[in-house]
């Protein structure tokens, strides 16, 4: 199995699923608050455009979930060169160099923000050791 995962171009992980009956994709508006368009008004000369604000999202880590606690999933995740993780509230990209997690828009930007996290496989060992 190691050869299969190591040679695979991409691994898809359904980390947001609670069991094998659920799929990869979650409807975004069910798990994330929608941004709100707020007009920017100047007291002197009226409207100057608008900006978007969004309630802070405190979702779960997209790389965590019931399946991640299984040893075979750990094996897959460490052997695969790159993985797209479909979490409950966001999407993540994981490769051997680093992890990138989708975050939500900041008040000054519209769209998705990717945040780099250093890869450390030794921190995952605590989940499997007694």
C-alpha atoms as a PDB file:
ATOM      1  CA  UNK A   1       0.000   0.000   0.000  1.00  0.00           C
ATOM      2  CA  UNK A   2       2.882   2.347   0.673  1.00  0.00           C
ATOM      3  CA  UNK A   3       3.858   2.377  -2.993  1.00  0.00           C
ATOM      4  CA  UNK A   4       0.305   3.189  -4.054  1.00  0.00           C
ATOM      5  CA  UNK A   5       0.003   6.236  -1.811  1.00  0.00           C
ATOM      6  CA  UNK A   6       3.517   7.462  -2.480  1.00  0.00           C
ATOM      7  CA  UNK A   7       3.026   7.305  -6.248  1.00  0.00           C
ATOM      8  CA  UNK A   8      -0.477   8.773  -6.205  1.00  0.00           C
ATOM      9  CA  UNK A   9      -0.756  12.260  -7.640  1.00  0.00           C
ATOM     10  CA  UNK A  10      -3.350  13.410  -5.101  1.00  0.00           C
ATOM     11  CA  UNK A  11      -5.169  11.977  -2.085  1.00  0.00           C
ATOM     12  CA  UNK A  12      -8.664  13.207  -1.163  1.00  0.00           C
ATOM     13  CA  UNK A  13      -9.559  13.091   2.537  1.00  0.00           C
ATOM     14  CA  UNK A  14     -13.127  13.355   3.819  1.00  0.00           C
ATOM     15  CA  UNK A  15     -12.161  14.605   7.283  1.00  0.00           C
ATOM     16  CA  UNK A  16     -15.452  16.397   7.745  1.00  0.00           C
ATOM     17  CA  UNK A  17     -17.423  13.165   7.418  1.00  0.00           C
ATOM     18  CA  UNK A  18     -18.604  11.536  10.635  1.00  0.00           C
ATOM     19  CA  UNK A  19     -18.691   8.080   8.988  1.00  0.00           C
ATOM     20  CA  UNK A  20     -18.384   6.325   5.623  1.00  0.00           C
ATOM     21  CA  UNK A  21     -21.920   7.248   4.524  1.00  0.00           C
ATOM     22  CA  UNK A  22     -21.094  10.955   4.205  1.00  0.00           C
ATOM     23  CA  UNK A  23     -19.311  12.405   1.205  1.00  0.00           C
ATOM     24  CA  UNK A  24     -16.508  14.886   0.699  1.00  0.00           C
ATOM     25  CA  UNK A  25     -18.384  18.060  -0.002  1.00  0.00           C
ATOM     26  CA  UNK A  26     -20.261  20.206   2.476  1.00  0.00           C
ATOM     27  CA  UNK A  27     -22.537  23.090   1.542  1.00  0.00           C
ATOM     28  CA  UNK A  28     -20.495  26.184   2.489  1.00  0.00           C
ATOM     29  CA  UNK A  29     -23.361  28.339   3.720  1.00  0.00           C
ATOM     30  CA  UNK A  30     -24.387  25.702   6.269  1.00  0.00           C
ATOM     31  CA  UNK A  31     -21.074  25.934   8.100  1.00  0.00           C
ATOM     32  CA  UNK A  32     -19.840  29.462   7.531  1.00  0.00           C
ATOM     33  CA  UNK A  33     -21.378  32.829   8.169  1.00  0.00           C
ATOM     34  CA  UNK A  34     -21.874  34.912   5.019  1.00  0.00           C
ATOM     35  CA  UNK A  35     -20.020  38.211   4.602  1.00  0.00           C
ATOM     36  CA  UNK A  36     -22.113  41.374   4.880  1.00  0.00           C
ATOM     37  CA  UNK A  37     -21.682  44.300   2.489  1.00  0.00           C
ATOM     38  CA  UNK A  38     -21.515  47.585   4.406  1.00  0.00           C
ATOM     39  CA  UNK A  39     -21.530  50.931   2.554  1.00  0.00           C
ATOM     40  CA  UNK A  40     -18.699  53.284   3.409  1.00  0.00           C
ATOM     41  CA  UNK A  41     -20.180  56.737   3.951  1.00  0.00           C
ATOM     42  CA  UNK A  42     -18.290  59.932   4.579  1.00  0.00           C
ATOM     43  CA  UNK A  43     -20.069  62.549   6.716  1.00  0.00           C
ATOM     44  CA  UNK A  44     -18.785  65.246   4.336  1.00  0.00           C
ATOM     45  CA  UNK A  45     -19.214  63.890   0.831  1.00  0.00           C
ATOM     46  CA  UNK A  46     -21.465  60.795   1.046  1.00  0.00           C
ATOM     47  CA  UNK A  47     -20.829  57.287  -0.268  1.00  0.00           C
ATOM     48  CA  UNK A  48     -17.281  56.176  -1.098  1.00  0.00           C
ATOM     49  CA  UNK A  49     -17.936  52.521  -1.855  1.00  0.00           C
ATOM     50  CA  UNK A  50     -18.383  49.546   0.407  1.00  0.00           C
ATOM     51  CA  UNK A  51     -16.477  46.938   2.354  1.00  0.00           C
ATOM     52  CA  UNK A  52     -17.265  43.420   3.518  1.00  0.00           C
ATOM     53  CA  UNK A  53     -17.286  42.229   7.097  1.00  0.00           C
ATOM     54  CA  UNK A  54     -17.742  38.747   8.424  1.00  0.00           C
ATOM     55  CA  UNK A  55     -18.377  37.234  11.821  1.00  0.00           C
ATOM     56  CA  UNK A  56     -15.315  35.378  13.092  1.00  0.00           C
ATOM     57  CA  UNK A  57     -15.536  31.677  12.357  1.00  0.00           C
ATOM     58  CA  UNK A  58     -14.506  29.281  15.097  1.00  0.00           C
ATOM     59  CA  UNK A  59     -14.823  26.007  13.214  1.00  0.00           C
ATOM     60  CA  UNK A  60     -12.948  22.826  13.908  1.00  0.00           C
ATOM     61  CA  UNK A  61      -9.544  22.053  12.496  1.00  0.00           C
ATOM     62  CA  UNK A  62     -10.213  20.736   8.962  1.00  0.00           C
ATOM     63  CA  UNK A  63      -7.518  18.077   9.311  1.00  0.00           C
ATOM     64  CA  UNK A  64      -9.219  16.577  12.378  1.00  0.00           C
ATOM     65  CA  UNK A  65     -12.224  14.303  12.610  1.00  0.00           C
ATOM     66  CA  UNK A  66     -13.289  10.752  13.437  1.00  0.00           C
ATOM     67  CA  UNK A  67     -11.428   9.191  10.517  1.00  0.00           C
ATOM     68  CA  UNK A  68      -8.139  10.889  11.380  1.00  0.00           C
ATOM     69  CA  UNK A  69      -7.958   8.879  14.605  1.00  0.00           C
ATOM     70  CA  UNK A  70      -7.563   5.606  12.693  1.00  0.00           C
ATOM     71  CA  UNK A  71      -4.075   4.205  12.115  1.00  0.00           C
ATOM     72  CA  UNK A  72      -4.673   3.419   8.429  1.00  0.00           C
ATOM     73  CA  UNK A  73      -5.599   7.073   7.844  1.00  0.00           C
ATOM     74  CA  UNK A  74      -2.358   8.136   9.540  1.00  0.00           C
ATOM     75  CA  UNK A  75      -0.467   5.784   7.203  1.00  0.00           C
ATOM     76  CA  UNK A  76      -2.225   7.229   4.151  1.00  0.00           C
ATOM     77  CA  UNK A  77      -1.605  10.808   5.230  1.00  0.00           C
ATOM     78  CA  UNK A  78       2.106  10.312   5.847  1.00  0.00           C
ATOM     79  CA  UNK A  79       2.758   8.337   2.667  1.00  0.00           C
ATOM     80  CA  UNK A  80       0.771  10.539   0.293  1.00  0.00           C
ATOM     81  CA  UNK A  81       2.696  13.331  -1.401  1.00  0.00           C
ATOM     82  CA  UNK A  82      -0.246  15.740  -1.469  1.00  0.00           C
ATOM     83  CA  UNK A  83      -3.727  15.719   0.004  1.00  0.00           C
ATOM     84  CA  UNK A  84      -6.816  17.877  -0.279  1.00  0.00           C
ATOM     85  CA  UNK A  85      -8.672  17.694   3.048  1.00  0.00           C
ATOM     86  CA  UNK A  86     -12.411  18.350   2.979  1.00  0.00           C
ATOM     87  CA  UNK A  87     -13.238  19.421   6.542  1.00  0.00           C
ATOM     88  CA  UNK A  88     -16.558  20.397   8.085  1.00  0.00           C
ATOM     89  CA  UNK A  89     -15.998  24.114   7.731  1.00  0.00           C
ATOM     90  CA  UNK A  90     -13.116  24.562   5.324  1.00  0.00           C
ATOM     91  CA  UNK A  91     -10.681  23.079   2.881  1.00  0.00           C
ATOM     92  CA  UNK A  92      -6.988  22.307   3.401  1.00  0.00           C
ATOM     93  CA  UNK A  93      -4.048  21.464   1.199  1.00  0.00           C
ATOM     94  CA  UNK A  94      -1.384  19.234   2.761  1.00  0.00           C
ATOM     95  CA  UNK A  95       1.922  18.241   1.210  1.00  0.00           C
ATOM     96  CA  UNK A  96       5.277  17.057   2.539  1.00  0.00           C
ATOM     97  CA  UNK A  97       6.580  20.594   2.804  1.00  0.00           C
ATOM     98  CA  UNK A  98       3.733  22.364   4.574  1.00  0.00           C
ATOM     99  CA  UNK A  99      -0.001  22.636   5.195  1.00  0.00           C
ATOM    100  CA  UNK A 100      -2.279  25.409   3.986  1.00  0.00           C
ATOM    101  CA  UNK A 101      -5.657  25.946   5.599  1.00  0.00           C
ATOM    102  CA  UNK A 102      -8.514  27.917   4.120  1.00  0.00           C
ATOM    103  CA  UNK A 103      -9.549  30.822   6.294  1.00  0.00           C
ATOM    104  CA  UNK A 104     -12.286  33.332   5.824  1.00  0.00           C
ATOM    105  CA  UNK A 105     -12.134  36.813   4.387  1.00  0.00           C
ATOM    106  CA  UNK A 106     -10.685  39.614   6.431  1.00  0.00           C
ATOM    107  CA  UNK A 107     -12.575  42.930   6.560  1.00  0.00           C
ATOM    108  CA  UNK A 108     -10.152  44.431   4.019  1.00  0.00           C
ATOM    109  CA  UNK A 109     -10.208  41.632   1.451  1.00  0.00           C
ATOM    110  CA  UNK A 110     -12.796  39.564  -0.349  1.00  0.00           C
ATOM    111  CA  UNK A 111     -12.227  35.878  -0.974  1.00  0.00           C
ATOM    112  CA  UNK A 112     -10.301  33.079   0.627  1.00  0.00           C
ATOM    113  CA  UNK A 113      -7.126  33.425   2.574  1.00  0.00           C
ATOM    114  CA  UNK A 114      -4.594  30.612   2.871  1.00  0.00           C
ATOM    115  CA  UNK A 115      -2.487  30.424   5.969  1.00  0.00           C
ATOM    116  CA  UNK A 116       0.798  28.525   5.997  1.00  0.00           C
ATOM    117  CA  UNK A 117       1.449  26.133   8.852  1.00  0.00           C
ATOM    118  CA  UNK A 118       4.727  24.216   9.219  1.00  0.00           C
ATOM    119  CA  UNK A 119       4.494  20.445   8.765  1.00  0.00           C
ATOM    120  CA  UNK A 120       5.443  18.395  11.821  1.00  0.00           C
ATOM    121  CA  UNK A 121       4.478  14.718  11.617  1.00  0.00           C
ATOM    122  CA  UNK A 122       5.797  13.951  15.116  1.00  0.00           C
ATOM    123  CA  UNK A 123       2.980  15.978  16.673  1.00  0.00           C
ATOM    124  CA  UNK A 124       0.509  13.475  15.194  1.00  0.00           C
ATOM    125  CA  UNK A 125       2.018  10.538  17.077  1.00  0.00           C
ATOM    126  CA  UNK A 126       0.211  11.476  20.295  1.00  0.00           C
ATOM    127  CA  UNK A 127      -3.079  10.428  18.671  1.00  0.00           C
ATOM    128  CA  UNK A 128      -1.874   6.836  18.236  1.00  0.00           C
ATOM    129  CA  UNK A 129       0.335   6.177  21.272  1.00  0.00           C
ATOM    130  CA  UNK A 130      -0.950   4.923  24.583  1.00  0.00           C
END
